[in-house]
Amino acid sequence: MPPTNPARRRALTDTAIRLLASSGVHGLTHRAVEKEADLPPGTASNYFRSREALLVAAAERIAELHHADTDRATERPATLVDLLTESLLTAATTLRDRYLAIFELQLEAARRPALAAALAGLRDTASQLTAGHHDKLGLAIPREKIPALIALYGGALFTLVTAPPGSVTRDVVQGVVQVMAYGSAGVPLPPAVPRG
């Protein structure tokens, strides 16, 4: 049975996320995590018996961090455009490594059924949490539209996170989000709300 020190487990998965972003999935090994975290050999394998278990744990940690960020973001009133703009801008700049890591994991999941199953479960949870956030904010988005909105968000996220660092600005992100929210077929956009 793996050790139950939650702080050590989080430290290992956070290190795994950084390694996924910097070295890709092939650079993620138990030994690499231990070396990067300055821990003795065998520590990572005590917590994660296989490499696949380490990959799944990293995916779960990314989802946990993303949902915590989203929970905090929905504590203050916002329009859908403002909420998505802030989320995407932060993901593509401040939290870029986290999302580079999840894209590495998503590609690897095409070859690893256990990882694919874990990511599918995380997507189901994301849909439910997103619906709850929309309810909390009073957004009138039908439940059946949420998977499409998440797909659009994921595509925008990939494009922005993989863009050259420094090229992502608030205006760029807001333009993408307005098309996501209102379409591109001449649907009039609501007036801009001045930021204070």
C-alpha atoms as a PDB file:
ATOM      1  CA  MET A   1       0.000   0.000   0.000  1.00  0.00           C
ATOM      2  CA  PRO A   2       1.438   3.428  -0.965  1.00  0.00           C
ATOM      3  CA  PRO A   3       2.340   5.879   1.830  1.00  0.00           C
ATOM      4  CA  THR A   4      -0.407   8.291   2.837  1.00  0.00           C
ATOM      5  CA  ASN A   5       1.500  11.553   3.293  1.00  0.00           C
ATOM      6  CA  PRO A   6      -0.726  13.919   1.238  1.00  0.00           C
ATOM      7  CA  ALA A   7       1.835  16.741   1.205  1.00  0.00           C
ATOM      8  CA  ARG A   8       4.560  14.436  -0.156  1.00  0.00           C
ATOM      9  CA  ARG A   9       2.147  13.013  -2.753  1.00  0.00           C
ATOM     10  CA  ARG A  10       1.235  16.555  -3.909  1.00  0.00           C
ATOM     11  CA  ALA A  11       4.910  17.510  -4.068  1.00  0.00           C
ATOM     12  CA  LEU A  12       5.631  14.469  -6.244  1.00  0.00           C
ATOM     13  CA  THR A  13       2.715  15.125  -8.606  1.00  0.00           C
ATOM     14  CA  ASP A  14       3.513  18.849  -8.829  1.00  0.00           C
ATOM     15  CA  THR A  15       7.075  17.916  -9.772  1.00  0.00           C
ATOM     16  CA  ALA A  16       5.737  15.437 -12.338  1.00  0.00           C
ATOM     17  CA  ILE A  17       3.641  18.240 -13.882  1.00  0.00           C
ATOM     18  CA  ARG A  18       6.692  20.496 -14.221  1.00  0.00           C
ATOM     19  CA  LEU A  19       8.671  17.664 -15.817  1.00  0.00           C
ATOM     20  CA  LEU A  20       5.867  16.877 -18.265  1.00  0.00           C
ATOM     21  CA  ALA A  21       5.874  20.516 -19.349  1.00  0.00           C
ATOM     22  CA  SER A  22       9.647  20.793 -19.679  1.00  0.00           C
ATOM     23  CA  SER A  23      10.642  17.314 -20.897  1.00  0.00           C
ATOM     24  CA  GLY A  24       7.482  15.748 -22.272  1.00  0.00           C
ATOM     25  CA  VAL A  25       5.977  12.427 -21.328  1.00  0.00           C
ATOM     26  CA  HIS A  26       9.145  10.529 -22.222  1.00  0.00           C
ATOM     27  CA  GLY A  27      11.163  12.603 -19.743  1.00  0.00           C
ATOM     28  CA  LEU A  28       8.860  11.661 -16.867  1.00  0.00           C
ATOM     29  CA  THR A  29      10.294   8.817 -14.818  1.00  0.00           C
ATOM     30  CA  HIS A  30      10.230   8.009 -11.133  1.00  0.00           C
ATOM     31  CA  ARG A  31      13.935   8.809 -10.902  1.00  0.00           C
ATOM     32  CA  ALA A  32      13.538  12.136 -12.728  1.00  0.00           C
ATOM     33  CA  VAL A  33      10.774  13.165 -10.300  1.00  0.00           C
ATOM     34  CA  GLU A  34      12.894  12.203  -7.294  1.00  0.00           C
ATOM     35  CA  LYS A  35      15.917  14.065  -8.611  1.00  0.00           C
ATOM     36  CA  GLU A  36      13.908  17.218  -9.447  1.00  0.00           C
ATOM     37  CA  ALA A  37      12.165  17.119  -6.023  1.00  0.00           C
ATOM     38  CA  ASP A  38      15.461  16.381  -4.235  1.00  0.00           C
ATOM     39  CA  LEU A  39      14.091  13.176  -2.706  1.00  0.00           C
ATOM     40  CA  PRO A  40      15.831   9.847  -2.115  1.00  0.00           C
ATOM     41  CA  PRO A  41      15.653   7.100  -4.764  1.00  0.00           C
ATOM     42  CA  GLY A  42      12.549   4.948  -4.416  1.00  0.00           C
ATOM     43  CA  THR A  43      10.331   7.694  -2.990  1.00  0.00           C
ATOM     44  CA  ALA A  44       8.222   8.161  -6.141  1.00  0.00           C
ATOM     45  CA  SER A  45       7.815   4.422  -6.715  1.00  0.00           C
ATOM     46  CA  ASN A  46       6.636   4.048  -3.096  1.00  0.00           C
ATOM     47  CA  TYR A  47       3.760   6.403  -3.914  1.00  0.00           C
ATOM     48  CA  PHE A  48       3.175   5.403  -7.541  1.00  0.00           C
ATOM     49  CA  ARG A  49       3.927   1.745  -8.259  1.00  0.00           C
ATOM     50  CA  SER A  50       4.105   2.185 -12.019  1.00  0.00           C
ATOM     51  CA  ARG A  51       4.840   4.931 -14.498  1.00  0.00           C
ATOM     52  CA  GLU A  52       1.211   4.813 -15.585  1.00  0.00           C
ATOM     53  CA  ALA A  53       0.104   5.407 -11.983  1.00  0.00           C
ATOM     54  CA  LEU A  54       2.385   8.460 -11.909  1.00  0.00           C
ATOM     55  CA  LEU A  55       0.863   9.744 -15.171  1.00  0.00           C
ATOM     56  CA  VAL A  56      -2.690   9.247 -13.864  1.00  0.00           C
ATOM     57  CA  ALA A  57      -1.810  10.982 -10.582  1.00  0.00           C
ATOM     58  CA  ALA A  58      -0.396  13.966 -12.498  1.00  0.00           C
ATOM     59  CA  ALA A  59      -3.621  14.220 -14.532  1.00  0.00           C
ATOM     60  CA  GLU A  60      -5.719  14.045 -11.374  1.00  0.00           C
ATOM     61  CA  ARG A  61      -3.617  16.754  -9.740  1.00  0.00           C
ATOM     62  CA  ILE A  62      -3.993  19.052 -12.763  1.00  0.00           C
ATOM     63  CA  ALA A  63      -7.768  18.574 -12.637  1.00  0.00           C
ATOM     64  CA  GLU A  64      -7.788  19.256  -8.885  1.00  0.00           C
ATOM     65  CA  LEU A  65      -5.824  22.492  -9.349  1.00  0.00           C
ATOM     66  CA  HIS A  66      -7.964  23.594 -12.316  1.00  0.00           C
ATOM     67  CA  HIS A  67     -11.225  23.013 -10.420  1.00  0.00           C
ATOM     68  CA  ALA A  68      -9.915  24.880  -7.361  1.00  0.00           C
ATOM     69  CA  ASP A  69      -9.013  27.831  -9.599  1.00  0.00           C
ATOM     70  CA  THR A  70     -12.445  27.740 -11.221  1.00  0.00           C
ATOM     71  CA  ASP A  71     -14.168  27.560  -7.833  1.00  0.00           C
ATOM     72  CA  ARG A  72     -12.325  30.706  -6.737  1.00  0.00           C
ATOM     73  CA  ALA A  73     -13.121  32.471 -10.018  1.00  0.00           C
ATOM     74  CA  THR A  74     -16.850  31.844  -9.635  1.00  0.00           C
ATOM     75  CA  GLU A  75     -16.945  33.382  -6.158  1.00  0.00           C
ATOM     76  CA  ARG A  76     -17.239  36.816  -7.730  1.00  0.00           C
ATOM     77  CA  PRO A  77     -19.916  37.803 -10.245  1.00  0.00           C
ATOM     78  CA  ALA A  78     -18.768  37.758 -13.868  1.00  0.00           C
ATOM     79  CA  THR A  79     -20.095  37.423 -17.363  1.00  0.00           C
ATOM     80  CA  LEU A  80     -19.294  34.257 -19.300  1.00  0.00           C
ATOM     81  CA  VAL A  81     -16.889  36.237 -21.500  1.00  0.00           C
ATOM     82  CA  ASP A  82     -15.060  37.667 -18.484  1.00  0.00           C
ATOM     83  CA  LEU A  83     -14.873  34.284 -16.768  1.00  0.00           C
ATOM     84  CA  LEU A  84     -13.529  32.482 -19.833  1.00  0.00           C
ATOM     85  CA  THR A  85     -11.143  35.322 -20.705  1.00  0.00           C
ATOM     86  CA  GLU A  86      -9.554  35.288 -17.253  1.00  0.00           C
ATOM     87  CA  SER A  87      -9.367  31.506 -17.204  1.00  0.00           C
ATOM     88  CA  LEU A  88      -7.746  31.199 -20.637  1.00  0.00           C
ATOM     89  CA  LEU A  89      -5.394  34.138 -20.116  1.00  0.00           C
ATOM     90  CA  THR A  90      -4.152  32.746 -16.806  1.00  0.00           C
ATOM     91  CA  ALA A  91      -3.804  29.246 -18.261  1.00  0.00           C
ATOM     92  CA  ALA A  92      -1.809  30.469 -21.252  1.00  0.00           C
ATOM     93  CA  THR A  93       0.523  32.678 -19.218  1.00  0.00           C
ATOM     94  CA  THR A  94       0.899  32.146 -15.477  1.00  0.00           C
ATOM     95  CA  LEU A  95      -0.116  28.467 -15.492  1.00  0.00           C
ATOM     96  CA  ARG A  96       1.268  27.535 -18.911  1.00  0.00           C
ATOM     97  CA  ASP A  97       3.305  24.557 -17.615  1.00  0.00           C
ATOM     98  CA  ARG A  98       0.230  22.976 -16.053  1.00  0.00           C
ATOM     99  CA  TYR A  99      -1.627  22.974 -19.353  1.00  0.00           C
ATOM    100  CA  LEU A 100       1.351  21.913 -21.451  1.00  0.00           C
ATOM    101  CA  ALA A 101       1.501  18.915 -19.098  1.00  0.00           C
ATOM    102  CA  ILE A 102      -2.153  18.005 -19.599  1.00  0.00           C
ATOM    103  CA  PHE A 103      -1.739  18.126 -23.375  1.00  0.00           C
ATOM    104  CA  GLU A 104       1.215  15.744 -23.058  1.00  0.00           C
ATOM    105  CA  LEU A 105      -0.999  13.430 -21.006  1.00  0.00           C
ATOM    106  CA  GLN A 106      -3.885  13.634 -23.470  1.00  0.00           C
ATOM    107  CA  LEU A 107      -1.623  12.603 -26.343  1.00  0.00           C
ATOM    108  CA  GLU A 108      -0.132   9.760 -24.292  1.00  0.00           C
ATOM    109  CA  ALA A 109      -3.653   8.567 -23.406  1.00  0.00           C
ATOM    110  CA  ALA A 110      -4.114   7.542 -27.051  1.00  0.00           C
ATOM    111  CA  ARG A 111      -1.605   4.746 -26.300  1.00  0.00           C
ATOM    112  CA  ARG A 112      -2.466   3.984 -22.668  1.00  0.00           C
ATOM    113  CA  PRO A 113      -6.026   2.762 -21.940  1.00  0.00           C
ATOM    114  CA  ALA A 114      -5.754   3.275 -18.167  1.00  0.00           C
ATOM    115  CA  LEU A 115      -4.706   6.891 -18.652  1.00  0.00           C
ATOM    116  CA  ALA A 116      -7.463   7.359 -21.249  1.00  0.00           C
ATOM    117  CA  ALA A 117     -10.029   6.003 -18.769  1.00  0.00           C
ATOM    118  CA  ALA A 118      -8.766   8.324 -16.024  1.00  0.00           C
ATOM    119  CA  LEU A 119      -8.951  11.356 -18.339  1.00  0.00           C
ATOM    120  CA  ALA A 120     -12.476  10.381 -19.445  1.00  0.00           C
ATOM    121  CA  GLY A 121     -13.535  10.308 -15.798  1.00  0.00           C
ATOM    122  CA  LEU A 122     -11.982  13.714 -15.246  1.00  0.00           C
ATOM    123  CA  ARG A 123     -13.893  15.077 -18.277  1.00  0.00           C
ATOM    124  CA  ASP A 124     -17.182  13.795 -16.836  1.00  0.00           C
ATOM    125  CA  THR A 125     -16.423  15.493 -13.528  1.00  0.00           C
ATOM    126  CA  ALA A 126     -15.485  18.707 -15.370  1.00  0.00           C
ATOM    127  CA  SER A 127     -18.881  18.749 -17.113  1.00  0.00           C
ATOM    128  CA  GLN A 128     -20.721  18.417 -13.809  1.00  0.00           C
ATOM    129  CA  LEU A 129     -18.604  21.061 -12.092  1.00  0.00           C
ATOM    130  CA  THR A 130     -18.973  23.434 -15.038  1.00  0.00           C
ATOM    131  CA  ALA A 131     -22.754  23.074 -14.877  1.00  0.00           C
ATOM    132  CA  GLY A 132     -22.639  23.897 -11.165  1.00  0.00           C
ATOM    133  CA  HIS A 133     -20.473  26.950 -11.812  1.00  0.00           C
ATOM    134  CA  HIS A 134     -22.876  28.162 -14.483  1.00  0.00           C
ATOM    135  CA  ASP A 135     -25.786  27.758 -12.067  1.00  0.00           C
ATOM    136  CA  LYS A 136     -23.887  29.642  -9.349  1.00  0.00           C
ATOM    137  CA  LEU A 137     -23.210  32.532 -11.736  1.00  0.00           C
ATOM    138  CA  GLY A 138     -26.761  32.524 -13.113  1.00  0.00           C
ATOM    139  CA  LEU A 139     -25.616  31.740 -16.655  1.00  0.00           C
ATOM    140  CA  ALA A 140     -28.446  30.419 -18.800  1.00  0.00           C
ATOM    141  CA  ILE A 141     -26.463  27.766 -20.683  1.00  0.00           C
ATOM    142  CA  PRO A 142     -28.398  24.555 -21.357  1.00  0.00           C
ATOM    143  CA  ARG A 143     -26.755  21.436 -19.879  1.00  0.00           C
ATOM    144  CA  GLU A 144     -26.570  19.761 -23.292  1.00  0.00           C
ATOM    145  CA  LYS A 145     -24.414  22.653 -24.599  1.00  0.00           C
ATOM    146  CA  ILE A 146     -21.748  22.291 -21.889  1.00  0.00           C
ATOM    147  CA  PRO A 147     -19.717  19.520 -23.614  1.00  0.00           C
ATOM    148  CA  ALA A 148     -19.499  21.694 -26.751  1.00  0.00           C
ATOM    149  CA  LEU A 149     -18.434  24.716 -24.684  1.00  0.00           C
ATOM    150  CA  ILE A 150     -15.767  22.584 -22.963  1.00  0.00           C
ATOM    151  CA  ALA A 151     -14.551  21.376 -26.386  1.00  0.00           C
ATOM    152  CA  LEU A 152     -14.298  24.968 -27.622  1.00  0.00           C
ATOM    153  CA  TYR A 153     -12.499  25.952 -24.431  1.00  0.00           C
ATOM    154  CA  GLY A 154     -10.064  23.036 -24.865  1.00  0.00           C
ATOM    155  CA  GLY A 155      -9.308  24.010 -28.457  1.00  0.00           C
ATOM    156  CA  ALA A 156      -8.758  27.643 -27.499  1.00  0.00           C
ATOM    157  CA  LEU A 157      -6.632  26.541 -24.560  1.00  0.00           C
ATOM    158  CA  PHE A 158      -4.408  24.389 -26.791  1.00  0.00           C
ATOM    159  CA  THR A 159      -3.965  27.201 -29.309  1.00  0.00           C
ATOM    160  CA  LEU A 160      -3.131  29.796 -26.658  1.00  0.00           C
ATOM    161  CA  VAL A 161      -0.902  27.597 -24.476  1.00  0.00           C
ATOM    162  CA  THR A 162       1.171  26.413 -27.436  1.00  0.00           C
ATOM    163  CA  ALA A 163       1.553  29.929 -28.873  1.00  0.00           C
ATOM    164  CA  PRO A 164       4.958  31.559 -28.413  1.00  0.00           C
ATOM    165  CA  PRO A 165       5.293  32.835 -24.834  1.00  0.00           C
ATOM    166  CA  GLY A 166       4.596  36.548 -24.708  1.00  0.00           C
ATOM    167  CA  SER A 167       2.279  36.529 -27.725  1.00  0.00           C
ATOM    168  CA  VAL A 168      -0.892  35.963 -25.716  1.00  0.00           C
ATOM    169  CA  THR A 169      -2.556  39.187 -24.617  1.00  0.00           C
ATOM    170  CA  ARG A 170      -5.876  39.936 -22.964  1.00  0.00           C
ATOM    171  CA  ASP A 171      -7.227  41.401 -26.230  1.00  0.00           C
ATOM    172  CA  VAL A 172      -6.300  38.262 -28.179  1.00  0.00           C
ATOM    173  CA  VAL A 173      -7.906  36.009 -25.591  1.00  0.00           C
ATOM    174  CA  GLN A 174     -11.031  38.142 -25.300  1.00  0.00           C
ATOM    175  CA  GLY A 175     -11.465  38.077 -29.083  1.00  0.00           C
ATOM    176  CA  VAL A 176     -11.307  34.273 -29.064  1.00  0.00           C
ATOM    177  CA  VAL A 177     -13.754  34.062 -26.157  1.00  0.00           C
ATOM    178  CA  GLN A 178     -16.265  36.411 -27.784  1.00  0.00           C
ATOM    179  CA  VAL A 179     -16.368  34.175 -30.856  1.00  0.00           C
ATOM    180  CA  MET A 180     -16.754  31.119 -28.597  1.00  0.00           C
ATOM    181  CA  ALA A 181     -19.606  32.706 -26.682  1.00  0.00           C
ATOM    182  CA  TYR A 182     -21.433  34.506 -29.487  1.00  0.00           C
ATOM    183  CA  GLY A 183     -20.360  32.836 -32.707  1.00  0.00           C
ATOM    184  CA  SER A 184     -18.861  34.363 -35.794  1.00  0.00           C
ATOM    185  CA  ALA A 185     -21.900  34.640 -38.038  1.00  0.00           C
ATOM    186  CA  GLY A 186     -22.659  38.280 -37.443  1.00  0.00           C
ATOM    187  CA  VAL A 187     -24.362  37.796 -34.091  1.00  0.00           C
ATOM    188  CA  PRO A 188     -24.183  41.171 -32.358  1.00  0.00           C
ATOM    189  CA  LEU A 189     -21.890  41.205 -29.356  1.00  0.00           C
ATOM    190  CA  PRO A 190     -23.000  42.768 -26.102  1.00  0.00           C
ATOM    191  CA  PRO A 191     -21.416  46.123 -25.279  1.00  0.00           C
ATOM    192  CA  ALA A 192     -18.042  45.962 -23.591  1.00  0.00           C
ATOM    193  CA  VAL A 193     -18.063  46.482 -19.864  1.00  0.00           C
ATOM    194  CA  PRO A 194     -15.380  48.946 -18.749  1.00  0.00           C
ATOM    195  CA  ARG A 195     -12.799  47.321 -16.497  1.00  0.00           C
ATOM    196  CA  GLY A 196     -12.165  49.199 -13.313  1.00  0.00           C
END
